[in-house]
């Protein structure tokens, strides 16, 4: 007997996303009825690096810091209505996240759900060092490696869902896998049903950035207008047994889902539309078609799939020294000239550091680390300028010189500087490589 359609709602597109958006999504899933999943996408390369730093400071931490705020409003409704939850909010500590979810359920007076924890993406153990060295080269010997994480696919998540998991907690799974795993488990697809898995992958790709597909990142007043931007509805995909999907959004919410918003997200971060590589499949959307089938509903058809890659991407995070930053504002007549003079003073005083200098309000977003664009930009006469200076260095004391020198601009001039803010933080650098798939073994552990 063929399985009915599957609804997958997205309640987060990155770490730090809004926490009041899950309730409308869950309400809509309940109203529409039928099998449904709620997914949380909270990881990026930078996010996982920050999570590793957090776990180093607190071994009990390292998972999504706003996990409680994300789940507390909807956990009871999801469990009551059989809406299963899949998230990569485990980050650097999936076991810690699972323990926190169990504790949250008890605090809410709920039965502790069946929680599955996915393991295998973390390649930080010493046993993996020869493998990583073989892929990165001799430079690996000079790295102070904090961790290494592989982008893993859906296999272990499907096993966990088939075993009855109500919540699946993962770390570095690929973003579209958040939709692939529920679809495979629900429809019973084989792991090599490439066309169907590719279609679910692109559904996951449309969902993974949350409100980007419902008009958020799309909005450009007067050119691409979006209604109700302050109350954006997050996306919901309806998948059929062939993997084709219709993308919509939470009911009675702001935002828009149309051909333009979906086209932008469909091509987002896709370098080759005929070969979008993920751990689950190589998706081919070169012949994809989009159709507006109803207000705020767009159907995606025509995606094909090819066998998944032989290797998996791995990000290796290693110690990168220290980053020092400082800012100071100048306003009124001659503000830009004074800001440029302050930058010159810092260049001379910090001659031993390689500085990144921005004039916020004049040249910053389009600036460059070498400062060539700033030097080539003629003074605009801006009367409201904030000078930002940053430097990275292996030695903390060397980097900290910048903090002191920016503060000294208060009285050492030029005139009228104010609003100084400075910061120091450790850095993690990233190297990426490809490792053979068979070298990465994934599993799940069920917590009752």
Protein backbone atom coordinates (compact mmCIF):
# COMPACT_ATOMS: atom_id res chain seq x y z
CA UNK A 1 0.00 0.00 0.00
CA UNK A 2 1.46 3.36 -1.04
CA UNK A 3 2.29 5.80 1.73
CA UNK A 4 0.40 9.08 1.79
CA UNK A 5 2.08 12.48 1.47
CA UNK A 6 4.53 13.69 4.09
CA UNK A 7 4.68 17.18 5.56
CA UNK A 8 8.03 18.60 6.71
CA UNK A 9 8.07 21.96 8.44
CA UNK A 10 11.20 23.98 9.11
CA UNK A 11 11.49 25.88 12.39
CA UNK A 12 15.06 27.22 12.18
CA UNK A 13 17.41 28.15 9.37
CA UNK A 14 20.51 28.90 11.43
CA UNK A 15 21.75 29.15 14.99
CA UNK A 16 20.22 32.30 16.43
CA UNK A 17 17.08 32.20 14.31
CA UNK A 18 13.76 33.40 15.70
CA UNK A 19 12.25 31.19 18.39
CA UNK A 20 8.61 32.20 17.94
CA UNK A 21 8.27 30.71 14.45
CA UNK A 22 7.97 27.03 15.38
CA UNK A 23 4.50 27.37 16.92
CA UNK A 24 2.79 28.58 13.70
CA UNK A 25 4.54 25.83 11.75
CA UNK A 26 3.42 23.14 14.20
CA UNK A 27 -0.10 24.55 14.31
CA UNK A 28 -0.25 24.34 10.51
CA UNK A 29 1.07 20.77 10.48
CA UNK A 30 -1.63 19.78 12.96
CA UNK A 31 -4.35 21.53 10.97
CA UNK A 32 -3.36 19.82 7.73
CA UNK A 33 -3.14 16.41 9.37
CA UNK A 34 -1.23 13.32 8.39
CA UNK A 35 2.37 12.25 9.02
CA UNK A 36 4.63 15.20 9.71
CA UNK A 37 8.13 16.16 10.81
CA UNK A 38 9.52 19.35 12.30
CA UNK A 39 13.16 20.04 11.42
CA UNK A 40 15.68 22.47 12.89
CA UNK A 41 18.71 23.50 10.86
CA UNK A 42 21.09 25.33 13.20
CA UNK A 43 24.58 24.58 11.91
CA UNK A 44 27.14 26.21 9.66
CA UNK A 45 30.90 25.88 9.49
CA UNK A 46 31.29 28.93 11.72
CA UNK A 47 28.55 27.74 14.07
CA UNK A 48 30.17 24.35 14.60
CA UNK A 49 33.52 26.01 15.26
CA UNK A 50 31.92 28.19 17.94
CA UNK A 51 30.25 25.12 19.41
CA UNK A 52 33.61 23.38 19.67
CA UNK A 53 35.01 26.38 21.53
CA UNK A 54 31.99 26.34 23.85
CA UNK A 55 32.47 22.66 24.61
CA UNK A 56 36.14 23.24 25.32
CA UNK A 57 35.13 25.83 27.93
CA UNK A 58 32.32 23.63 29.29
CA UNK A 59 32.35 19.90 28.47
CA UNK A 60 28.59 19.78 29.17
CA UNK A 61 27.92 22.44 26.53
CA UNK A 62 28.70 22.67 22.85
CA UNK A 63 25.17 22.08 21.55
CA UNK A 64 22.77 24.72 20.21
CA UNK A 65 22.74 27.41 22.93
CA UNK A 66 19.07 28.29 22.35
CA UNK A 67 17.86 24.70 22.35
CA UNK A 68 15.40 25.31 25.18
CA UNK A 69 13.94 28.39 23.52
CA UNK A 70 13.49 26.50 20.24
CA UNK A 71 11.82 23.40 21.67
CA UNK A 72 9.97 24.53 24.79
CA UNK A 73 7.06 26.18 22.92
CA UNK A 74 6.33 23.15 20.70
CA UNK A 75 7.61 20.00 22.38
CA UNK A 76 4.31 19.08 24.02
CA UNK A 77 2.29 19.67 20.84
CA UNK A 78 4.70 17.65 18.73
CA UNK A 79 4.64 14.68 21.09
CA UNK A 80 0.87 14.84 21.51
CA UNK A 81 0.21 14.88 17.75
CA UNK A 82 2.93 12.50 16.66
CA UNK A 83 5.04 15.12 14.90
CA UNK A 84 8.59 13.83 14.96
CA UNK A 85 11.55 16.18 15.32
CA UNK A 86 14.89 16.02 13.53
CA UNK A 87 17.63 18.58 14.15
CA UNK A 88 21.35 19.13 13.83
CA UNK A 89 21.17 21.14 17.04
CA UNK A 90 23.49 18.61 18.67
CA UNK A 91 26.38 20.55 17.09
CA UNK A 92 29.60 19.60 18.92
CA UNK A 93 27.79 17.66 21.66
CA UNK A 94 24.76 15.66 20.47
CA UNK A 95 24.72 13.60 23.66
CA UNK A 96 24.51 16.77 25.73
CA UNK A 97 21.66 18.07 23.59
CA UNK A 98 19.74 14.81 23.96
CA UNK A 99 20.17 14.88 27.73
CA UNK A 100 18.89 18.47 27.81
CA UNK A 101 15.83 17.58 25.70
CA UNK A 102 15.01 14.71 28.07
CA UNK A 103 15.34 17.07 31.03
CA UNK A 104 13.14 19.65 29.29
CA UNK A 105 10.44 17.05 28.76
CA UNK A 106 10.49 16.19 32.46
CA UNK A 107 10.32 19.89 33.39
CA UNK A 108 7.22 20.24 31.19
CA UNK A 109 5.60 17.22 32.80
CA UNK A 110 5.86 15.16 29.61
CA UNK A 111 6.90 11.55 29.17
CA UNK A 112 10.52 11.46 28.08
CA UNK A 113 10.40 10.84 24.32
CA UNK A 114 12.46 8.26 22.48
CA UNK A 115 15.52 10.29 21.49
CA UNK A 116 18.09 8.97 19.06
CA UNK A 117 21.59 10.44 19.02
CA UNK A 118 23.55 10.20 15.79
CA UNK A 119 27.27 9.44 16.06
CA UNK A 120 29.98 9.21 13.43
CA UNK A 121 30.48 12.71 12.08
CA UNK A 122 33.17 13.50 14.67
CA UNK A 123 36.56 12.40 13.35
CA UNK A 124 38.56 14.05 16.12
CA UNK A 125 39.85 10.87 17.75
CA UNK A 126 43.57 10.08 17.36
CA UNK A 127 42.69 7.04 15.26
CA UNK A 128 41.58 9.36 12.45
CA UNK A 129 44.75 11.47 12.36
CA UNK A 130 46.58 9.30 9.79
CA UNK A 131 43.52 9.46 7.52
CA UNK A 132 43.27 13.24 7.80
CA UNK A 133 46.99 13.66 7.28
CA UNK A 134 46.79 11.55 4.13
CA UNK A 135 44.11 13.87 2.75
CA UNK A 136 45.50 17.24 3.87
CA UNK A 137 49.21 16.57 3.47
CA UNK A 138 52.29 17.45 5.49
CA UNK A 139 50.75 20.73 6.62
CA UNK A 140 48.56 18.67 8.94
CA UNK A 141 51.57 18.02 11.18
CA UNK A 142 51.79 21.72 12.02
CA UNK A 143 48.14 22.12 12.96
CA UNK A 144 46.87 22.26 16.52
CA UNK A 145 43.67 20.39 15.66
CA UNK A 146 40.64 20.94 17.84
CA UNK A 147 38.23 18.73 15.94
CA UNK A 148 37.25 17.32 12.58
CA UNK A 149 33.70 16.71 11.39
CA UNK A 150 32.40 14.90 8.34
CA UNK A 151 29.21 15.82 6.54
CA UNK A 152 27.23 12.62 6.89
CA UNK A 153 24.04 11.51 5.19
CA UNK A 154 20.72 9.96 6.11
CA UNK A 155 21.49 6.26 6.69
CA UNK A 156 21.75 6.23 10.48
CA UNK A 157 18.93 8.75 10.84
CA UNK A 158 16.66 6.46 8.83
CA UNK A 159 17.64 3.52 11.02
CA UNK A 160 16.81 5.56 14.12
CA UNK A 161 13.43 6.64 12.75
CA UNK A 162 12.63 3.08 11.70
CA UNK A 163 13.42 2.03 15.28
CA UNK A 164 10.78 4.43 16.59
CA UNK A 165 12.72 7.57 17.47
CA UNK A 166 10.46 10.53 18.16
CA UNK A 167 13.36 12.98 18.17
CA UNK A 168 16.65 12.60 16.31
CA UNK A 169 19.59 14.67 17.49
CA UNK A 170 22.53 15.02 15.13
CA UNK A 171 25.68 17.03 14.70
CA UNK A 172 27.22 17.66 11.30
CA UNK A 173 24.74 16.03 8.98
CA UNK A 174 24.31 17.68 5.59
CA UNK A 175 21.57 20.30 5.61
CA UNK A 176 19.25 18.63 3.03
CA UNK A 177 19.52 15.36 4.96
CA UNK A 178 17.03 16.88 7.41
CA UNK A 179 14.37 16.19 4.75
CA UNK A 180 15.92 13.12 3.12
CA UNK A 181 15.90 11.04 6.32
CA UNK A 182 12.21 11.64 7.14
CA UNK A 183 11.24 10.98 3.51
CA UNK A 184 13.21 7.73 3.29
CA UNK A 185 11.78 6.51 6.58
CA UNK A 186 8.21 7.48 5.71
CA UNK A 187 8.11 6.20 2.13
CA UNK A 188 10.47 3.26 2.62
CA UNK A 189 12.77 4.27 -0.23
CA UNK A 190 15.95 2.30 -0.78
CA UNK A 191 19.21 4.11 -0.13
CA UNK A 192 20.00 3.99 -3.87
CA UNK A 193 16.64 5.25 -5.16
CA UNK A 194 18.55 8.16 -6.63
CA UNK A 195 15.76 10.09 -8.34
CA UNK A 196 13.46 10.11 -5.32
CA UNK A 197 16.30 10.92 -2.91
CA UNK A 198 17.45 13.76 -5.18
CA UNK A 199 13.96 15.24 -5.14
CA UNK A 200 13.80 15.04 -1.35
CA UNK A 201 17.28 16.58 -1.24
CA UNK A 202 16.09 19.62 -3.15
CA UNK A 203 13.03 19.85 -0.91
CA UNK A 204 15.44 19.88 2.01
CA UNK A 205 17.54 22.49 0.24
CA UNK A 206 14.49 24.74 -0.09
CA UNK A 207 13.67 24.28 3.61
CA UNK A 208 17.13 24.45 5.11
CA UNK A 209 17.51 28.24 5.33
CA UNK A 210 14.13 28.83 6.90
CA UNK A 211 12.55 32.12 5.89
CA UNK A 212 14.86 32.69 2.93
CA UNK A 213 12.37 30.80 0.74
CA UNK A 214 9.34 32.58 2.22
CA UNK A 215 10.58 36.05 1.37
CA UNK A 216 13.07 36.98 4.08
CA UNK A 217 16.40 37.17 2.29
CA UNK A 218 14.46 37.87 -0.91
CA UNK A 219 12.94 41.16 0.27
CA UNK A 220 14.12 44.37 -1.44
CA UNK A 221 11.62 47.25 -1.02
CA UNK A 222 10.38 48.75 -4.27
CA UNK A 223 11.95 45.95 -6.29
CA UNK A 224 10.93 42.73 -4.58
CA UNK A 225 8.28 43.64 -2.04
CA UNK A 226 7.29 41.13 0.64
CA UNK A 227 4.17 41.58 2.80
CA UNK A 228 4.31 41.05 6.54
CA UNK A 229 8.07 40.80 6.81
CA UNK A 230 7.92 41.23 10.59
CA UNK A 231 5.76 38.10 10.92
CA UNK A 232 7.36 35.81 8.35
CA UNK A 233 5.94 32.33 8.13
CA UNK A 234 8.50 29.56 7.95
CA UNK A 235 8.35 26.99 5.14
CA UNK A 236 6.52 23.68 4.94
CA UNK A 237 7.13 21.08 2.22
CA UNK A 238 4.61 18.47 1.14
CA UNK A 239 6.34 15.47 -0.45
CA UNK A 240 4.66 12.73 -2.44
CA UNK A 241 5.87 9.15 -2.78
CA UNK A 242 8.00 10.05 -5.82
CA UNK A 243 9.79 12.78 -3.85
CA UNK A 244 8.25 15.70 -5.74
CA UNK A 245 7.29 18.53 -3.44
CA UNK A 246 5.14 21.59 -2.99
CA UNK A 247 6.67 24.37 -0.91
CA UNK A 248 4.38 26.54 1.17
CA UNK A 249 4.50 28.26 4.54
CA UNK A 250 2.78 28.43 7.90
CA UNK A 251 -0.83 29.54 7.61
CA UNK A 252 -1.94 33.02 8.68
CA UNK A 253 1.61 34.35 8.55
CA UNK A 254 3.55 36.99 6.67
CA UNK A 255 5.93 36.52 3.81
CA UNK A 256 5.38 35.06 0.36
CA UNK A 257 6.14 31.86 -1.53
CA UNK A 258 6.24 32.44 -5.27
CA UNK A 259 8.28 31.44 -8.28
CA UNK A 260 10.85 34.13 -7.58
CA UNK A 261 11.48 33.27 -3.92
CA UNK A 262 11.74 29.56 -4.71
CA UNK A 263 14.04 30.08 -7.70
CA UNK A 264 16.43 32.14 -5.58
CA UNK A 265 16.60 29.54 -2.85
CA UNK A 266 16.75 26.63 -5.29
CA UNK A 267 19.97 28.01 -6.80
CA UNK A 268 21.38 29.25 -3.48
CA UNK A 269 24.89 27.82 -2.92
CA UNK A 270 24.52 25.51 -5.93
CA UNK A 271 27.67 25.70 -8.03
CA UNK A 272 26.64 23.14 -10.66
CA UNK A 273 22.88 22.66 -11.18
CA UNK A 274 23.53 19.39 -12.99
CA UNK A 275 25.64 18.00 -10.15
CA UNK A 276 24.72 19.21 -6.67
CA UNK A 277 26.83 16.99 -4.41
CA UNK A 278 25.52 15.80 -1.05
CA UNK A 279 26.33 12.73 1.06
CA UNK A 280 23.00 11.17 0.03
CA UNK A 281 22.95 11.75 -3.73
CA UNK A 282 24.20 13.88 -6.61
CA UNK A 283 21.13 15.93 -7.49
CA UNK A 284 20.55 17.13 -11.05
CA UNK A 285 18.19 20.11 -11.25
CA UNK A 286 19.15 21.17 -14.76
CA UNK A 287 15.69 20.15 -16.01
CA UNK A 288 13.76 21.18 -12.90
CA UNK A 289 10.43 22.95 -13.30
CA UNK A 290 8.59 25.21 -10.88
CA UNK A 291 4.85 25.86 -10.99
CA UNK A 292 2.75 28.20 -8.87
CA UNK A 293 -0.09 25.84 -7.94
CA UNK A 294 -1.87 28.04 -5.39
CA UNK A 295 -1.26 31.26 -3.47
CA UNK A 296 1.94 30.76 -1.48
CA UNK A 297 2.42 27.26 -2.90
CA UNK A 298 5.03 26.33 -5.52
CA UNK A 299 5.56 22.84 -6.90
CA UNK A 300 9.01 21.53 -7.79
CA UNK A 301 9.24 18.83 -10.47
CA UNK A 302 11.83 17.33 -12.78
CA UNK A 303 14.76 16.78 -10.41
CA UNK A 304 16.86 13.72 -11.22
CA UNK A 305 19.47 11.89 -9.18
CA UNK A 306 22.81 10.18 -9.70
CA UNK A 307 24.76 7.87 -7.36
CA UNK A 308 26.09 9.59 -4.28
CA UNK A 309 29.77 10.64 -4.16
CA UNK A 310 32.41 8.14 -3.11
CA UNK A 311 33.84 10.59 -0.58
CA UNK A 312 32.56 12.76 2.25
CA UNK A 313 33.56 16.33 2.96
CA UNK A 314 35.37 16.87 6.26
CA UNK A 315 36.02 20.19 7.97
CA UNK A 316 39.11 20.26 10.16
CA UNK A 317 39.10 23.02 12.77
CA UNK A 318 42.45 24.06 14.16
CA UNK A 319 43.75 26.74 16.48
CA UNK A 320 44.08 30.05 14.66
CA UNK A 321 45.52 32.35 17.29
CA UNK A 322 43.65 35.46 18.40
CA UNK A 323 41.44 38.05 16.79
CA UNK A 324 41.47 41.59 18.17
CA UNK A 325 38.94 44.19 17.12
CA UNK A 326 38.39 47.84 17.91
CA UNK A 327 35.91 50.49 16.82
CA UNK A 328 35.64 54.25 17.33
CA UNK A 329 33.19 56.82 15.90
CA UNK A 330 33.71 60.24 14.36
CA UNK A 331 30.90 62.64 13.50
CA UNK A 332 30.36 66.14 12.17
CA UNK A 333 32.56 68.33 10.01
CA UNK A 334 35.67 66.49 8.79
CA UNK A 335 34.57 63.18 10.34
CA UNK A 336 35.89 61.07 7.49
CA UNK A 337 39.23 62.91 7.42
CA UNK A 338 39.65 62.33 11.14
CA UNK A 339 38.74 58.66 10.82
CA UNK A 340 41.29 58.21 8.03
CA UNK A 341 43.92 59.97 10.15
CA UNK A 342 43.14 57.67 13.08
CA UNK A 343 43.64 54.71 10.76
CA UNK A 344 47.03 56.08 9.70
CA UNK A 345 48.04 56.50 13.34
CA UNK A 346 47.11 52.88 14.06
CA UNK A 347 49.08 51.66 11.04
CA UNK A 348 52.18 53.38 12.35
CA UNK A 349 51.68 52.38 15.97
CA UNK A 350 50.90 48.75 15.05
CA UNK A 351 53.43 48.29 12.30
CA UNK A 352 54.06 44.71 13.40
CA UNK A 353 50.45 43.65 12.80
CA UNK A 354 48.57 43.10 9.56
CA UNK A 355 45.50 45.27 9.97
CA UNK A 356 42.08 45.08 8.40
CA UNK A 357 40.70 48.65 8.36
CA UNK A 358 37.12 49.62 7.48
CA UNK A 359 35.35 52.95 7.47
CA UNK A 360 31.79 51.93 8.21
CA UNK A 361 29.59 54.26 6.22
CA UNK A 362 32.25 54.81 3.56
CA UNK A 363 34.12 51.60 2.73
CA UNK A 364 33.51 48.42 4.73
CA UNK A 365 31.27 45.82 3.09
CA UNK A 366 33.21 46.09 -0.18
CA UNK A 367 36.58 46.58 1.51
CA UNK A 368 39.47 44.14 1.42
CA UNK A 369 42.01 42.90 3.91
CA UNK A 370 44.90 44.63 2.18
CA UNK A 371 43.17 48.01 2.25
CA UNK A 372 43.60 48.67 -1.45
CA UNK A 373 40.01 49.76 -1.97
CA UNK A 374 40.13 52.11 1.01
CA UNK A 375 43.28 53.76 -0.27
CA UNK A 376 41.79 54.08 -3.75
CA UNK A 377 38.52 55.57 -2.51
CA UNK A 378 38.39 59.34 -2.62
CA UNK A 379 37.15 60.96 0.56
CA UNK A 380 33.39 61.38 0.36
CA UNK A 381 32.99 64.02 3.04
CA UNK A 382 30.89 61.69 5.20
CA UNK A 383 29.87 63.23 8.51
CA UNK A 384 29.02 59.98 10.29
CA UNK A 385 31.81 57.39 10.20
CA UNK A 386 32.81 54.49 12.42
CA UNK A 387 36.37 53.24 12.14
CA UNK A 388 36.82 49.50 12.61
CA UNK A 389 40.23 47.88 12.88
CA UNK A 390 40.97 44.18 13.29
CA UNK A 391 44.06 42.00 13.44
CA UNK A 392 44.77 38.32 13.85
CA UNK A 393 47.94 36.97 15.43
CA UNK A 394 49.16 33.70 16.89
CA UNK A 395 50.31 35.46 20.06
CA UNK A 396 47.67 36.93 22.35
CA UNK A 397 49.88 39.73 23.67
CA UNK A 398 50.68 40.87 20.15
CA UNK A 399 47.02 40.94 19.14
CA UNK A 400 46.07 42.73 22.34
CA UNK A 401 48.19 45.72 21.37
CA UNK A 402 45.40 46.70 19.00
CA UNK A 403 42.87 46.83 21.85
CA UNK A 404 45.07 49.24 23.81
CA UNK A 405 45.90 51.46 20.86
CA UNK A 406 42.28 51.90 19.80
CA UNK A 407 41.38 52.89 23.36
CA UNK A 408 44.22 55.39 23.41
CA UNK A 409 42.67 57.26 20.48
CA UNK A 410 40.24 58.80 22.97
CA UNK A 411 42.79 61.40 24.08
CA UNK A 412 45.75 60.86 21.78
CA UNK A 413 43.67 62.00 18.83
CA UNK A 414 42.54 62.84 16.33
CA UNK A 415 39.76 64.98 17.77
CA UNK A 416 36.25 63.98 18.58
CA UNK A 417 36.52 60.20 18.68
CA UNK A 418 34.05 58.35 20.89
CA UNK A 419 32.11 55.20 21.49
CA UNK A 420 35.13 52.90 21.64
CA UNK A 421 34.43 49.19 21.74
CA UNK A 422 37.07 46.49 21.71
CA UNK A 423 37.06 42.71 21.79
CA UNK A 424 39.49 39.79 21.93
CA UNK A 425 38.61 36.23 21.09
CA UNK A 426 40.35 33.01 20.13
CA UNK A 427 40.11 31.96 16.51
CA UNK A 428 39.56 28.64 14.84
CA UNK A 429 40.69 28.16 11.27
CA UNK A 430 39.22 25.60 8.90
CA UNK A 431 40.64 23.25 6.31
CA UNK A 432 38.43 21.01 4.21
CA UNK A 433 39.18 17.69 2.59
CA UNK A 434 37.43 14.65 1.14
CA UNK A 435 37.74 11.24 2.82
CA UNK A 436 36.57 7.86 1.51
CA UNK A 437 33.00 7.17 2.57
CA UNK A 438 33.87 3.74 3.95
CA UNK A 439 36.23 5.35 6.47
CA UNK A 440 33.32 7.10 8.22
CA UNK A 441 31.08 4.79 10.23
CA UNK A 442 27.81 6.27 11.49
CA UNK A 443 25.52 4.83 14.15
CA UNK A 444 22.71 5.89 16.44
CA UNK A 445 22.06 5.39 20.14
CA UNK A 446 18.52 5.41 21.49
CA UNK A 447 17.74 7.18 24.75
CA UNK A 448 14.41 6.30 26.40
